[in-house]
Every structure is written in C-alpha cells, then in structure tokens.
C-alpha cells in the first residue's frame, strides 16, 4: 500500500528509541527522520530501518520540523517526537480526521500512562501556555500538539516561522486565527526510551528554556 502521509520525526540522539519505534509505524505513513545534530547512530539506524533521513544543522525543534516539512512529498504530513513516548498507531485516527474532511488539524492530548512520564515542571509550563491561548484567542485544545496531522500545502501557507521550541505554540496560534478546524484526541504518553534524554522535560532548566521560547512567540 502506498503511504498516504509523511511522518516527520525530529531527532537528536534518538538511536535507541528509533530501534523500537520505527518497526511499529503503520504502512500508511512514510517516515522522514530529521537528524538535528545527533552524536549517536540516529541517522544510521533510521536508514537501516527504511526511513528517509534529512540532516538539519540549525539546532532547534522548529528547525528540524520545518526541514522535515520541506522534505515531505505527500498531501498529508504528521509530526511526532522520535523518543518512543507515543504509540504510532495513534496517528491513524488523527489522519482519518483530516483526510475525511472533519478537521484541518488533528492533534493529540497527552495522557500519561505512568506518573513519571510527564514531569510536573513540563506539565505546568504546558498548562500555562494553553490556558493563555484559550483565554486570548479561544484555542479549543488542552495540549500544545506534540503529535499532529494536517495537509502539507496548508501548513506551508500558514508560514510558521519559529525555529526553536516555540514552533507548536506558533502553529496553534496561527491555525486558530486562520479559522482552522482543530480536533483533539487523547493519546497515551509513555516514558521515553531508555538510553535517551529529553531536551525539554529532562530537567527544570530545559523546561525554563522551552517556556522562554513559548512566551517569545506569544508576545
């Protein structure tokens, strides 16, 4: 079956996670791994397991996501962390929401499966940003879209410009103001793969830096 959607995985030092994650990606998705300055075997593992690999030297989540968007070739594009914290099977309902015409953007709302999956400092920062967007522009979701699906051409037109961790916040803000229909689904959220470390929630300092990127976009 020809994949209907590209799945972009922004990665930095995620070789251990990709070993577990990539074999489980449904056939409806063609994987594009964006290697964002890895010092491990991320690129080699991704190629061995059949993914297209793109190298992005500019550091930052938004830079990696945008590089993957430009490399994507299919009408629909999905984005998900490459740390094995999400189940790729949860992408199918999101793709159905968009391809079936029920949404312009389908996003996941994280539901931690264990207490340590989503540290308190990361969850608090996320809640504050979402509360602000809901109050300011009427955003109708409860998470910052860490897993999402939309049409590639429409996302390019939306012109999301942040190249750091503020990218998903800018995306939600611009999509809401543009009148996009946004659908949110609960998705299980697991601890990331052993042998990898989060650049955001792995420390309080990482969360503070990310929050700074969020507020730069909001203001």
N, C-alpha and C. Protein backbone atom coordinates (compact mmCIF):
# COMPACT_ATOMS: atom_id res chain seq x y z
N UNK A 1 0.84 -1.19 0.00
CA UNK A 1 0.00 0.00 0.00
C UNK A 1 0.88 1.24 0.00
N UNK A 2 0.60 2.17 -0.90
CA UNK A 2 1.35 3.41 -0.97
C UNK A 2 0.99 4.29 0.22
N UNK A 3 1.98 4.75 0.97
CA UNK A 3 1.67 5.62 2.12
C UNK A 3 0.92 6.87 1.70
N UNK A 4 -0.03 7.28 2.52
CA UNK A 4 -0.82 8.47 2.22
C UNK A 4 -0.29 9.70 2.92
N UNK A 5 0.64 9.50 3.87
CA UNK A 5 1.06 10.59 4.73
C UNK A 5 2.53 10.42 5.09
N UNK A 6 3.26 11.52 5.10
CA UNK A 6 4.63 11.51 5.61
C UNK A 6 4.60 11.73 7.12
N UNK A 7 5.42 10.99 7.83
CA UNK A 7 5.56 11.15 9.28
C UNK A 7 6.95 11.72 9.56
N UNK A 8 6.99 12.95 10.04
CA UNK A 8 8.25 13.61 10.34
C UNK A 8 8.60 13.39 11.81
N UNK A 9 9.80 12.87 12.03
CA UNK A 9 10.31 12.64 13.38
C UNK A 9 11.55 13.50 13.59
N UNK A 10 11.44 14.62 14.29
CA UNK A 10 12.64 15.41 14.61
C UNK A 10 13.44 14.68 15.68
N UNK A 11 14.72 14.44 15.42
CA UNK A 11 15.51 13.60 16.32
C UNK A 11 16.88 14.19 16.60
N UNK A 12 17.28 14.05 17.83
CA UNK A 12 18.66 14.33 18.22
C UNK A 12 19.06 13.28 19.24
N UNK A 13 19.97 12.42 18.84
CA UNK A 13 20.44 11.32 19.70
C UNK A 13 19.30 10.41 20.14
N UNK A 14 18.56 9.91 19.16
CA UNK A 14 17.40 9.04 19.43
C UNK A 14 17.58 7.65 18.84
N UNK A 15 18.82 7.20 18.65
CA UNK A 15 19.05 5.90 18.02
C UNK A 15 18.35 4.77 18.79
N UNK A 16 18.47 4.78 20.10
CA UNK A 16 17.86 3.72 20.92
C UNK A 16 16.35 3.71 20.78
N UNK A 17 15.75 4.90 20.71
CA UNK A 17 14.30 4.99 20.58
C UNK A 17 13.84 4.53 19.20
N UNK A 18 14.58 4.90 18.16
CA UNK A 18 14.18 4.55 16.79
C UNK A 18 14.21 3.04 16.57
N UNK A 19 15.10 2.36 17.25
CA UNK A 19 15.15 0.90 17.12
C UNK A 19 13.81 0.27 17.49
N UNK A 20 13.14 0.83 18.48
CA UNK A 20 11.85 0.32 18.93
C UNK A 20 10.68 0.92 18.16
N UNK A 21 10.81 2.19 17.83
CA UNK A 21 9.68 2.93 17.25
C UNK A 21 9.44 2.62 15.78
N UNK A 22 10.47 2.68 14.97
CA UNK A 22 10.27 2.61 13.51
C UNK A 22 9.61 1.31 13.03
N UNK A 23 9.95 0.15 13.58
CA UNK A 23 9.28 -1.07 13.11
C UNK A 23 7.77 -1.09 13.38
N UNK A 24 7.28 -0.23 14.24
CA UNK A 24 5.86 -0.23 14.59
C UNK A 24 5.04 0.82 13.84
N UNK A 25 5.68 1.62 13.01
CA UNK A 25 4.94 2.66 12.28
C UNK A 25 4.03 2.02 11.24
N UNK A 26 2.75 2.36 11.23
CA UNK A 26 1.82 1.77 10.25
C UNK A 26 2.22 2.06 8.80
N UNK A 27 1.79 1.18 7.90
CA UNK A 27 2.17 1.30 6.49
C UNK A 27 1.62 2.55 5.82
N UNK A 28 0.62 3.16 6.41
CA UNK A 28 0.03 4.37 5.83
C UNK A 28 0.96 5.58 5.94
N UNK A 29 2.07 5.43 6.69
CA UNK A 29 2.97 6.56 6.94
C UNK A 29 4.37 6.26 6.41
N UNK A 30 4.91 7.20 5.64
CA UNK A 30 6.30 7.13 5.19
C UNK A 30 7.14 8.01 6.12
N UNK A 31 8.15 7.42 6.74
CA UNK A 31 8.88 8.12 7.80
C UNK A 31 10.01 8.98 7.24
N UNK A 32 10.06 10.22 7.72
CA UNK A 32 11.15 11.14 7.45
C UNK A 32 11.80 11.48 8.79
N UNK A 33 12.99 11.00 9.02
CA UNK A 33 13.73 11.30 10.24
C UNK A 33 14.63 12.51 9.97
N UNK A 34 14.48 13.54 10.77
CA UNK A 34 15.33 14.72 10.65
C UNK A 34 16.38 14.65 11.74
N UNK A 35 17.63 14.44 11.33
CA UNK A 35 18.75 14.34 12.27
C UNK A 35 19.22 15.75 12.59
N UNK A 36 18.95 16.18 13.81
CA UNK A 36 19.23 17.57 14.21
C UNK A 36 20.48 17.65 15.08
N UNK A 37 21.60 17.20 14.50
CA UNK A 37 22.88 17.31 15.20
C UNK A 37 23.19 16.17 16.13
N UNK A 38 22.75 14.97 15.80
CA UNK A 38 22.99 13.81 16.67
C UNK A 38 24.47 13.46 16.74
N UNK A 39 24.87 12.95 17.90
CA UNK A 39 26.24 12.44 18.06
C UNK A 39 26.25 10.92 18.17
N UNK A 40 25.07 10.29 18.10
CA UNK A 40 24.99 8.83 18.13
C UNK A 40 24.65 8.32 16.73
N UNK A 41 24.09 7.12 16.64
CA UNK A 41 23.82 6.48 15.35
C UNK A 41 22.39 6.71 14.86
N UNK A 42 21.80 7.83 15.23
CA UNK A 42 20.41 8.12 14.83
C UNK A 42 20.21 7.96 13.33
N UNK A 43 21.04 8.59 12.53
CA UNK A 43 20.87 8.55 11.07
C UNK A 43 21.05 7.14 10.53
N UNK A 44 22.07 6.43 11.00
CA UNK A 44 22.33 5.08 10.51
C UNK A 44 21.19 4.13 10.86
N UNK A 45 20.68 4.23 12.08
CA UNK A 45 19.57 3.37 12.49
C UNK A 45 18.34 3.67 11.65
N UNK A 46 18.05 4.95 11.43
CA UNK A 46 16.88 5.33 10.65
C UNK A 46 16.96 4.80 9.22
N UNK A 47 18.12 4.92 8.59
CA UNK A 47 18.28 4.42 7.22
C UNK A 47 18.13 2.90 7.18
N UNK A 48 18.74 2.22 8.14
CA UNK A 48 18.66 0.76 8.17
C UNK A 48 17.23 0.27 8.30
N UNK A 49 16.40 1.04 9.00
CA UNK A 49 15.02 0.64 9.23
C UNK A 49 14.06 1.24 8.20
N UNK A 50 14.61 1.80 7.13
CA UNK A 50 13.78 2.19 5.99
C UNK A 50 13.29 3.61 5.95
N UNK A 51 13.75 4.45 6.85
CA UNK A 51 13.30 5.84 6.86
C UNK A 51 14.13 6.69 5.91
N UNK A 52 13.54 7.75 5.40
CA UNK A 52 14.28 8.78 4.70
C UNK A 52 14.94 9.66 5.76
N UNK A 53 16.21 9.99 5.57
CA UNK A 53 16.93 10.78 6.57
C UNK A 53 17.30 12.14 5.98
N UNK A 54 16.96 13.19 6.71
CA UNK A 54 17.30 14.56 6.36
C UNK A 54 18.19 15.11 7.46
N UNK A 55 19.25 15.80 7.09
CA UNK A 55 20.13 16.42 8.08
C UNK A 55 19.80 17.91 8.18
N UNK A 56 19.60 18.38 9.40
CA UNK A 56 19.36 19.80 9.64
C UNK A 56 20.38 20.30 10.67
N UNK A 57 21.29 21.14 10.22
CA UNK A 57 22.37 21.59 11.10
C UNK A 57 21.94 22.68 12.07
N UNK A 58 20.95 23.48 11.70
CA UNK A 58 20.48 24.52 12.62
C UNK A 58 19.80 23.86 13.81
N UNK A 59 20.29 24.09 15.02
CA UNK A 59 19.67 23.45 16.18
C UNK A 59 18.30 24.03 16.48
N UNK A 60 17.42 23.20 17.01
CA UNK A 60 16.10 23.66 17.41
C UNK A 60 14.99 22.80 16.86
N UNK A 61 13.98 22.58 17.70
CA UNK A 61 12.84 21.75 17.30
C UNK A 61 12.16 22.28 16.04
N UNK A 62 11.91 23.58 16.01
CA UNK A 62 11.24 24.15 14.84
C UNK A 62 12.05 24.02 13.57
N UNK A 63 13.36 24.14 13.68
CA UNK A 63 14.22 23.98 12.51
C UNK A 63 14.12 22.56 11.97
N UNK A 64 14.12 21.57 12.87
CA UNK A 64 14.01 20.18 12.44
C UNK A 64 12.65 19.89 11.83
N UNK A 65 11.59 20.40 12.46
CA UNK A 65 10.24 20.19 11.93
C UNK A 65 10.10 20.80 10.54
N UNK A 66 10.59 22.02 10.37
CA UNK A 66 10.46 22.68 9.07
C UNK A 66 11.26 21.95 8.00
N UNK A 67 12.45 21.45 8.34
CA UNK A 67 13.23 20.68 7.38
C UNK A 67 12.48 19.43 6.95
N UNK A 68 11.81 18.78 7.91
CA UNK A 68 11.02 17.60 7.57
C UNK A 68 9.82 17.95 6.71
N UNK A 69 9.18 19.07 6.98
CA UNK A 69 8.05 19.51 6.17
C UNK A 69 8.47 19.75 4.73
N UNK A 70 9.61 20.39 4.53
CA UNK A 70 10.10 20.64 3.17
C UNK A 70 10.47 19.34 2.46
N UNK A 71 10.95 18.36 3.22
CA UNK A 71 11.34 17.08 2.61
C UNK A 71 10.13 16.19 2.32
N UNK A 72 9.02 16.43 2.98
CA UNK A 72 7.82 15.62 2.77
C UNK A 72 7.28 15.83 1.36
N UNK A 73 6.66 14.79 0.81
CA UNK A 73 6.17 14.86 -0.56
C UNK A 73 4.70 14.49 -0.70
N UNK A 74 4.09 13.99 0.36
CA UNK A 74 2.70 13.53 0.28
C UNK A 74 1.72 14.61 0.70
N UNK A 75 0.44 14.45 0.33
CA UNK A 75 -0.54 15.50 0.64
C UNK A 75 -0.72 15.75 2.13
N UNK A 76 -0.56 14.70 2.94
CA UNK A 76 -0.74 14.85 4.38
C UNK A 76 0.60 14.66 5.07
N UNK A 77 0.77 15.37 6.18
CA UNK A 77 2.02 15.26 6.93
C UNK A 77 1.69 15.17 8.42
N UNK A 78 2.40 14.27 9.10
CA UNK A 78 2.24 14.07 10.54
C UNK A 78 3.57 14.39 11.23
N UNK A 79 3.47 14.78 12.49
CA UNK A 79 4.66 15.09 13.28
C UNK A 79 4.52 14.41 14.63
N UNK A 80 5.62 13.83 15.10
CA UNK A 80 5.62 13.12 16.36
C UNK A 80 7.03 13.10 16.91
N UNK A 81 7.18 13.15 18.22
CA UNK A 81 8.51 13.03 18.81
C UNK A 81 9.10 11.66 18.48
N UNK A 82 10.41 11.63 18.29
CA UNK A 82 11.07 10.38 17.93
C UNK A 82 11.63 9.61 19.10
N UNK A 83 11.12 9.87 20.31
CA UNK A 83 11.69 9.27 21.52
C UNK A 83 10.93 8.05 22.01
N UNK A 84 9.97 7.57 21.23
CA UNK A 84 9.16 6.39 21.56
C UNK A 84 8.21 6.63 22.74
N UNK A 85 7.87 7.89 22.99
CA UNK A 85 6.90 8.18 24.06
C UNK A 85 5.46 8.06 23.56
N UNK A 86 5.28 8.04 22.23
CA UNK A 86 3.95 7.89 21.65
C UNK A 86 3.85 6.57 20.90
N UNK A 87 2.63 6.05 20.81
CA UNK A 87 2.36 4.86 20.02
C UNK A 87 2.00 5.31 18.61
N UNK A 88 2.75 4.91 17.58
CA UNK A 88 2.46 5.36 16.22
C UNK A 88 1.08 4.93 15.72
N UNK A 89 0.49 3.92 16.33
CA UNK A 89 -0.87 3.53 15.93
C UNK A 89 -1.88 4.64 16.21
N UNK A 90 -1.56 5.54 17.14
CA UNK A 90 -2.47 6.64 17.46
C UNK A 90 -2.51 7.71 16.37
N UNK A 91 -1.63 7.60 15.39
CA UNK A 91 -1.64 8.55 14.27
C UNK A 91 -2.81 8.30 13.33
N UNK A 92 -3.24 7.05 13.19
CA UNK A 92 -4.27 6.71 12.20
C UNK A 92 -5.57 7.47 12.42
N UNK A 93 -6.12 7.54 13.65
CA UNK A 93 -7.35 8.33 13.83
C UNK A 93 -7.17 9.80 13.52
N UNK A 94 -5.99 10.34 13.81
CA UNK A 94 -5.73 11.75 13.51
C UNK A 94 -5.71 11.98 11.99
N UNK A 95 -5.08 11.06 11.27
CA UNK A 95 -5.06 11.18 9.82
C UNK A 95 -6.47 11.06 9.25
N UNK A 96 -7.27 10.17 9.82
CA UNK A 96 -8.65 10.00 9.35
C UNK A 96 -9.47 11.26 9.57
N UNK A 97 -9.22 11.96 10.69
CA UNK A 97 -9.93 13.21 10.95
C UNK A 97 -9.68 14.23 9.84
N UNK A 98 -8.43 14.32 9.39
CA UNK A 98 -8.07 15.32 8.38
C UNK A 98 -8.44 14.85 6.98
N UNK A 99 -8.07 13.61 6.63
CA UNK A 99 -8.34 13.12 5.28
C UNK A 99 -9.83 12.95 5.03
N UNK A 100 -10.61 12.71 6.09
CA UNK A 100 -12.05 12.58 5.94
C UNK A 100 -12.79 13.90 5.90
N UNK A 101 -12.06 15.00 6.07
CA UNK A 101 -12.68 16.31 5.98
C UNK A 101 -13.25 16.85 7.27
N UNK A 102 -13.04 16.15 8.38
CA UNK A 102 -13.60 16.60 9.65
C UNK A 102 -12.75 17.61 10.38
N UNK A 103 -11.51 17.80 9.92
CA UNK A 103 -10.61 18.72 10.60
C UNK A 103 -9.55 19.21 9.63
N UNK A 104 -9.02 20.40 9.92
CA UNK A 104 -7.86 20.90 9.18
C UNK A 104 -6.57 20.53 9.91
N UNK A 105 -6.69 20.36 11.22
CA UNK A 105 -5.56 19.98 12.06
C UNK A 105 -6.06 19.04 13.14
N UNK A 106 -5.47 17.85 13.24
CA UNK A 106 -5.82 16.89 14.28
C UNK A 106 -4.61 16.73 15.19
N UNK A 107 -4.85 16.85 16.49
CA UNK A 107 -3.75 16.86 17.45
C UNK A 107 -4.02 15.87 18.58
N UNK A 108 -2.95 15.48 19.26
CA UNK A 108 -3.07 14.59 20.39
C UNK A 108 -2.97 15.35 21.70
N UNK A 109 -3.74 14.90 22.69
CA UNK A 109 -3.65 15.42 24.05
C UNK A 109 -3.01 14.35 24.92
N UNK A 110 -1.87 14.63 25.47
CA UNK A 110 -1.13 13.63 26.23
C UNK A 110 -1.87 13.18 27.49
N UNK A 111 -1.95 11.86 27.64
CA UNK A 111 -2.49 11.23 28.84
C UNK A 111 -1.42 10.28 29.39
N UNK A 112 -0.64 10.72 30.39
CA UNK A 112 0.47 9.90 30.89
C UNK A 112 0.00 8.54 31.39
N UNK A 113 0.73 7.50 31.02
CA UNK A 113 0.38 6.15 31.45
C UNK A 113 1.08 5.78 32.77
N UNK A 114 2.11 6.53 33.13
CA UNK A 114 2.78 6.35 34.42
C UNK A 114 3.06 7.72 35.01
N UNK A 115 3.30 7.75 36.28
CA UNK A 115 3.47 9.01 36.99
C UNK A 115 4.67 9.81 36.46
N UNK A 116 5.74 9.13 36.09
CA UNK A 116 6.94 9.84 35.69
C UNK A 116 7.04 10.15 34.21
N UNK A 117 6.00 9.83 33.45
CA UNK A 117 6.08 10.03 32.00
C UNK A 117 6.16 11.50 31.62
N UNK A 118 5.47 12.35 32.41
CA UNK A 118 5.41 13.77 32.09
C UNK A 118 5.72 14.55 33.36
N UNK A 119 6.97 14.98 33.56
CA UNK A 119 7.37 15.64 34.81
C UNK A 119 6.51 16.87 35.12
N UNK A 120 6.38 17.17 36.40
CA UNK A 120 5.49 18.24 36.84
C UNK A 120 5.84 19.58 36.23
N UNK A 121 7.15 19.87 36.10
CA UNK A 121 7.54 21.19 35.60
C UNK A 121 7.17 21.36 34.13
N UNK A 122 7.29 20.28 33.34
CA UNK A 122 6.90 20.35 31.94
C UNK A 122 5.38 20.47 31.80
N UNK A 123 4.66 19.71 32.64
CA UNK A 123 3.20 19.75 32.56
C UNK A 123 2.67 21.12 32.98
N UNK A 124 3.28 21.71 34.00
CA UNK A 124 2.83 23.03 34.46
C UNK A 124 3.06 24.10 33.39
N UNK A 125 4.23 24.06 32.75
CA UNK A 125 4.50 25.03 31.70
C UNK A 125 3.54 24.89 30.54
N UNK A 126 3.25 23.65 30.16
CA UNK A 126 2.31 23.40 29.08
C UNK A 126 0.92 23.94 29.43
N UNK A 127 0.47 23.68 30.65
CA UNK A 127 -0.87 24.11 31.07
C UNK A 127 -1.00 25.63 31.06
N UNK A 128 0.06 26.32 31.46
CA UNK A 128 0.02 27.77 31.50
C UNK A 128 -0.08 28.36 30.09
N UNK A 129 0.70 27.82 29.16
CA UNK A 129 0.66 28.32 27.78
C UNK A 129 -0.70 28.05 27.15
N UNK A 130 -1.23 26.86 27.34
CA UNK A 130 -2.54 26.53 26.76
C UNK A 130 -3.63 27.40 27.37
N UNK A 131 -3.56 27.61 28.70
CA UNK A 131 -4.55 28.50 29.34
C UNK A 131 -4.51 29.89 28.73
N UNK A 132 -3.33 30.40 28.48
CA UNK A 132 -3.20 31.74 27.90
C UNK A 132 -3.80 31.78 26.49
N UNK A 133 -3.53 30.76 25.68
CA UNK A 133 -4.07 30.74 24.32
C UNK A 133 -5.59 30.57 24.33
N UNK A 134 -6.09 29.78 25.23
CA UNK A 134 -7.55 29.61 25.33
C UNK A 134 -8.20 30.94 25.73
N UNK A 135 -7.59 31.65 26.64
CA UNK A 135 -8.13 32.93 27.11
C UNK A 135 -7.99 34.02 26.05
N UNK A 136 -6.87 34.02 25.37
CA UNK A 136 -6.56 35.13 24.46
C UNK A 136 -7.23 35.00 23.10
N UNK A 137 -7.21 33.79 22.53
CA UNK A 137 -7.72 33.65 21.16
C UNK A 137 -8.78 32.57 21.01
N UNK A 138 -9.22 31.98 22.14
CA UNK A 138 -10.26 30.97 22.05
C UNK A 138 -9.78 29.63 21.56
N UNK A 139 -8.52 29.31 21.78
CA UNK A 139 -7.99 28.00 21.41
C UNK A 139 -8.82 26.90 22.06
N UNK A 140 -9.15 25.87 21.31
CA UNK A 140 -10.07 24.85 21.82
C UNK A 140 -9.38 23.51 22.06
N UNK A 141 -8.11 23.53 22.48
CA UNK A 141 -7.40 22.30 22.82
C UNK A 141 -6.75 22.45 24.18
N UNK A 142 -6.19 21.35 24.69
CA UNK A 142 -5.66 21.33 26.06
C UNK A 142 -4.19 20.93 26.12
N UNK A 143 -3.52 20.85 24.98
CA UNK A 143 -2.11 20.49 24.93
C UNK A 143 -1.50 21.24 23.75
N UNK A 144 -0.18 21.27 23.68
CA UNK A 144 0.46 22.05 22.62
C UNK A 144 0.79 21.21 21.39
N UNK A 145 -0.04 20.23 21.11
CA UNK A 145 0.04 19.46 19.87
C UNK A 145 1.40 18.79 19.64
N UNK A 146 1.86 17.96 20.58
CA UNK A 146 3.14 17.27 20.37
C UNK A 146 3.05 16.20 19.30
N UNK A 147 1.84 15.76 18.99
CA UNK A 147 1.60 14.80 17.90
C UNK A 147 0.44 15.37 17.08
N UNK A 148 0.61 15.50 15.76
CA UNK A 148 -0.37 16.23 14.97
C UNK A 148 -0.32 15.80 13.51
N UNK A 149 -1.45 16.04 12.80
CA UNK A 149 -1.58 15.73 11.37
C UNK A 149 -2.32 16.88 10.70
N UNK A 150 -1.88 17.25 9.51
CA UNK A 150 -2.58 18.26 8.71
C UNK A 150 -2.20 18.07 7.24
N UNK A 151 -2.74 18.90 6.38
CA UNK A 151 -2.36 18.89 4.98
C UNK A 151 -1.06 19.66 4.81
N UNK A 152 -0.15 19.10 4.02
CA UNK A 152 1.18 19.72 3.86
C UNK A 152 1.08 21.10 3.24
N UNK A 153 0.30 21.25 2.16
CA UNK A 153 0.26 22.54 1.47
C UNK A 153 -0.33 23.63 2.35
N UNK A 154 -1.32 23.29 3.17
CA UNK A 154 -1.93 24.28 4.04
C UNK A 154 -0.97 24.70 5.16
N UNK A 155 -0.16 23.77 5.64
CA UNK A 155 0.82 24.12 6.67
C UNK A 155 1.89 25.05 6.11
N UNK A 156 2.30 24.81 4.88
CA UNK A 156 3.28 25.70 4.26
C UNK A 156 2.72 27.12 4.13
N UNK A 157 1.47 27.23 3.75
CA UNK A 157 0.84 28.54 3.62
C UNK A 157 0.73 29.23 4.98
N UNK A 158 0.51 28.46 6.03
CA UNK A 158 0.38 29.03 7.37
C UNK A 158 1.66 29.76 7.80
N UNK A 159 2.80 29.33 7.26
CA UNK A 159 4.08 30.04 7.43
C UNK A 159 4.49 30.17 8.90
N UNK A 160 4.64 29.03 9.56
CA UNK A 160 5.14 29.02 10.94
C UNK A 160 6.64 29.27 10.91
N UNK A 161 7.10 30.28 11.63
CA UNK A 161 8.48 30.74 11.48
C UNK A 161 9.42 30.43 12.65
N UNK A 162 8.87 30.10 13.82
CA UNK A 162 9.74 29.82 14.95
C UNK A 162 10.59 28.58 14.66
N UNK A 163 11.85 28.65 14.98
CA UNK A 163 12.75 27.52 14.71
C UNK A 163 13.27 26.88 15.99
N UNK A 164 12.68 27.26 17.12
CA UNK A 164 13.06 26.64 18.39
C UNK A 164 11.85 25.90 18.95
N UNK A 165 11.72 25.87 20.27
CA UNK A 165 10.63 25.10 20.87
C UNK A 165 9.29 25.83 20.83
N UNK A 166 9.28 27.07 20.38
CA UNK A 166 8.02 27.79 20.26
C UNK A 166 7.21 27.40 19.04
N UNK A 167 7.75 26.53 18.19
CA UNK A 167 7.07 26.17 16.94
C UNK A 167 5.63 25.70 17.15
N UNK A 168 5.36 24.72 18.02
CA UNK A 168 3.97 24.24 18.14
C UNK A 168 3.02 25.30 18.69
N UNK A 169 3.52 26.19 19.54
CA UNK A 169 2.68 27.27 20.06
C UNK A 169 2.31 28.24 18.94
N UNK A 170 3.29 28.60 18.12
CA UNK A 170 3.00 29.48 16.98
C UNK A 170 2.04 28.80 16.01
N UNK A 171 2.22 27.50 15.79
CA UNK A 171 1.33 26.76 14.90
C UNK A 171 -0.11 26.83 15.39
N UNK A 172 -0.33 26.54 16.68
CA UNK A 172 -1.69 26.56 17.21
C UNK A 172 -2.29 27.96 17.16
N UNK A 173 -1.47 28.95 17.46
CA UNK A 173 -1.95 30.32 17.44
C UNK A 173 -2.36 30.73 16.03
N UNK A 174 -1.50 30.47 15.05
CA UNK A 174 -1.81 30.86 13.67
C UNK A 174 -2.97 30.05 13.10
N UNK A 175 -3.02 28.76 13.42
CA UNK A 175 -4.11 27.92 12.92
C UNK A 175 -5.45 28.40 13.47
N UNK A 176 -5.48 28.74 14.75
CA UNK A 176 -6.73 29.22 15.36
C UNK A 176 -7.17 30.54 14.74
N UNK A 177 -6.24 31.47 14.57
CA UNK A 177 -6.57 32.77 14.00
C UNK A 177 -6.96 32.66 12.53
N UNK A 178 -6.47 31.62 11.85
CA UNK A 178 -6.82 31.42 10.45
C UNK A 178 -8.15 30.69 10.27
N UNK A 179 -8.76 30.29 11.39
CA UNK A 179 -10.05 29.62 11.31
C UNK A 179 -9.98 28.14 11.02
N UNK A 180 -8.83 27.53 11.26
CA UNK A 180 -8.72 26.09 11.05
C UNK A 180 -9.63 25.34 12.02
N UNK A 181 -10.21 24.27 11.52
CA UNK A 181 -10.97 23.36 12.39
C UNK A 181 -9.98 22.40 13.06
N UNK A 182 -9.91 22.46 14.38
CA UNK A 182 -8.94 21.66 15.12
C UNK A 182 -9.67 20.59 15.94
N UNK A 183 -9.26 19.35 15.77
CA UNK A 183 -9.81 18.24 16.53
C UNK A 183 -8.72 17.70 17.44
N UNK A 184 -9.08 17.42 18.70
CA UNK A 184 -8.12 16.91 19.68
C UNK A 184 -8.57 15.53 20.16
N UNK A 185 -7.63 14.60 20.21
CA UNK A 185 -7.90 13.25 20.71
C UNK A 185 -6.90 12.92 21.82
N UNK A 186 -7.37 12.19 22.82
CA UNK A 186 -6.48 11.71 23.87
C UNK A 186 -5.52 10.67 23.30
N UNK A 187 -4.24 10.76 23.69
CA UNK A 187 -3.26 9.76 23.27
C UNK A 187 -2.43 9.35 24.49
N UNK A 188 -2.16 8.06 24.66
CA UNK A 188 -1.30 7.63 25.77
C UNK A 188 0.10 8.22 25.62
N UNK A 189 0.69 8.57 26.75
CA UNK A 189 2.03 9.18 26.76
C UNK A 189 2.90 8.39 27.72
N UNK A 190 3.95 7.75 27.17
CA UNK A 190 4.80 6.86 27.94
C UNK A 190 6.14 7.52 28.26
N UNK A 191 6.89 6.99 29.21
CA UNK A 191 8.27 7.46 29.40
C UNK A 191 9.07 7.23 28.12
N UNK A 192 9.95 8.13 27.80
CA UNK A 192 10.78 7.98 26.60
C UNK A 192 11.67 6.75 26.71
N UNK A 193 12.20 6.31 25.59
CA UNK A 193 13.01 5.10 25.54
C UNK A 193 14.24 5.21 26.44
N UNK A 194 14.61 4.09 27.06
CA UNK A 194 15.81 4.05 27.87
C UNK A 194 17.03 4.39 27.02
N UNK A 195 17.95 5.12 27.59
CA UNK A 195 19.15 5.50 26.86
C UNK A 195 19.03 6.82 26.13
N UNK A 196 17.87 7.49 26.25
CA UNK A 196 17.69 8.79 25.63
C UNK A 196 17.28 9.79 26.71
N UNK A 197 17.42 11.08 26.40
CA UNK A 197 17.11 12.12 27.39
C UNK A 197 16.39 13.27 26.72
N UNK A 198 15.31 13.73 27.35
CA UNK A 198 14.53 14.82 26.79
C UNK A 198 15.30 16.13 26.85
N UNK A 199 15.21 16.91 25.75
CA UNK A 199 15.82 18.23 25.73
C UNK A 199 14.92 19.26 26.41
N UNK A 200 13.65 18.89 26.61
CA UNK A 200 12.68 19.81 27.20
C UNK A 200 12.40 19.45 28.65
N UNK A 201 11.80 18.27 28.85
CA UNK A 201 11.35 17.90 30.20
C UNK A 201 12.39 17.13 30.99
N UNK A 202 13.57 16.93 30.44
CA UNK A 202 14.59 16.17 31.14
C UNK A 202 15.17 16.91 32.33
N UNK A 203 14.92 18.21 32.41
CA UNK A 203 15.40 18.99 33.54
C UNK A 203 14.54 20.23 33.69
N UNK A 204 14.59 20.83 34.89
CA UNK A 204 13.85 22.07 35.10
C UNK A 204 14.42 23.16 34.20
N UNK A 205 15.75 23.20 34.03
CA UNK A 205 16.38 24.20 33.17
C UNK A 205 15.89 24.06 31.73
N UNK A 206 15.77 22.82 31.24
CA UNK A 206 15.27 22.61 29.89
C UNK A 206 13.85 23.12 29.73
N UNK A 207 13.03 22.90 30.74
CA UNK A 207 11.66 23.39 30.70
C UNK A 207 11.62 24.91 30.72
N UNK A 208 12.48 25.54 31.52
CA UNK A 208 12.53 27.01 31.58
C UNK A 208 12.92 27.58 30.23
N UNK A 209 13.90 26.97 29.58
CA UNK A 209 14.32 27.45 28.26
C UNK A 209 13.18 27.31 27.25
N UNK A 210 12.48 26.21 27.33
CA UNK A 210 11.35 25.99 26.43
C UNK A 210 10.24 27.01 26.69
N UNK A 211 9.95 27.25 27.96
CA UNK A 211 8.93 28.25 28.31
C UNK A 211 9.31 29.62 27.78
N UNK A 212 10.58 29.94 27.80
CA UNK A 212 11.04 31.22 27.25
C UNK A 212 10.74 31.29 25.75
N UNK A 213 10.95 30.19 25.03
CA UNK A 213 10.62 30.16 23.60
C UNK A 213 9.11 30.33 23.40
N UNK A 214 8.32 29.66 24.24
CA UNK A 214 6.85 29.78 24.14
C UNK A 214 6.42 31.24 24.29
N UNK A 215 6.91 31.91 25.34
CA UNK A 215 6.46 33.27 25.62
C UNK A 215 6.97 34.26 24.58
N UNK A 216 8.11 33.97 23.98
CA UNK A 216 8.59 34.83 22.90
C UNK A 216 7.61 34.82 21.73
N UNK A 217 7.05 33.64 21.43
CA UNK A 217 6.07 33.54 20.36
C UNK A 217 4.77 34.25 20.75
N UNK A 218 4.34 34.08 21.99
CA UNK A 218 3.07 34.65 22.43
C UNK A 218 3.10 36.17 22.51
N UNK A 219 4.29 36.74 22.74
CA UNK A 219 4.37 38.18 22.92
C UNK A 219 4.99 38.86 21.70
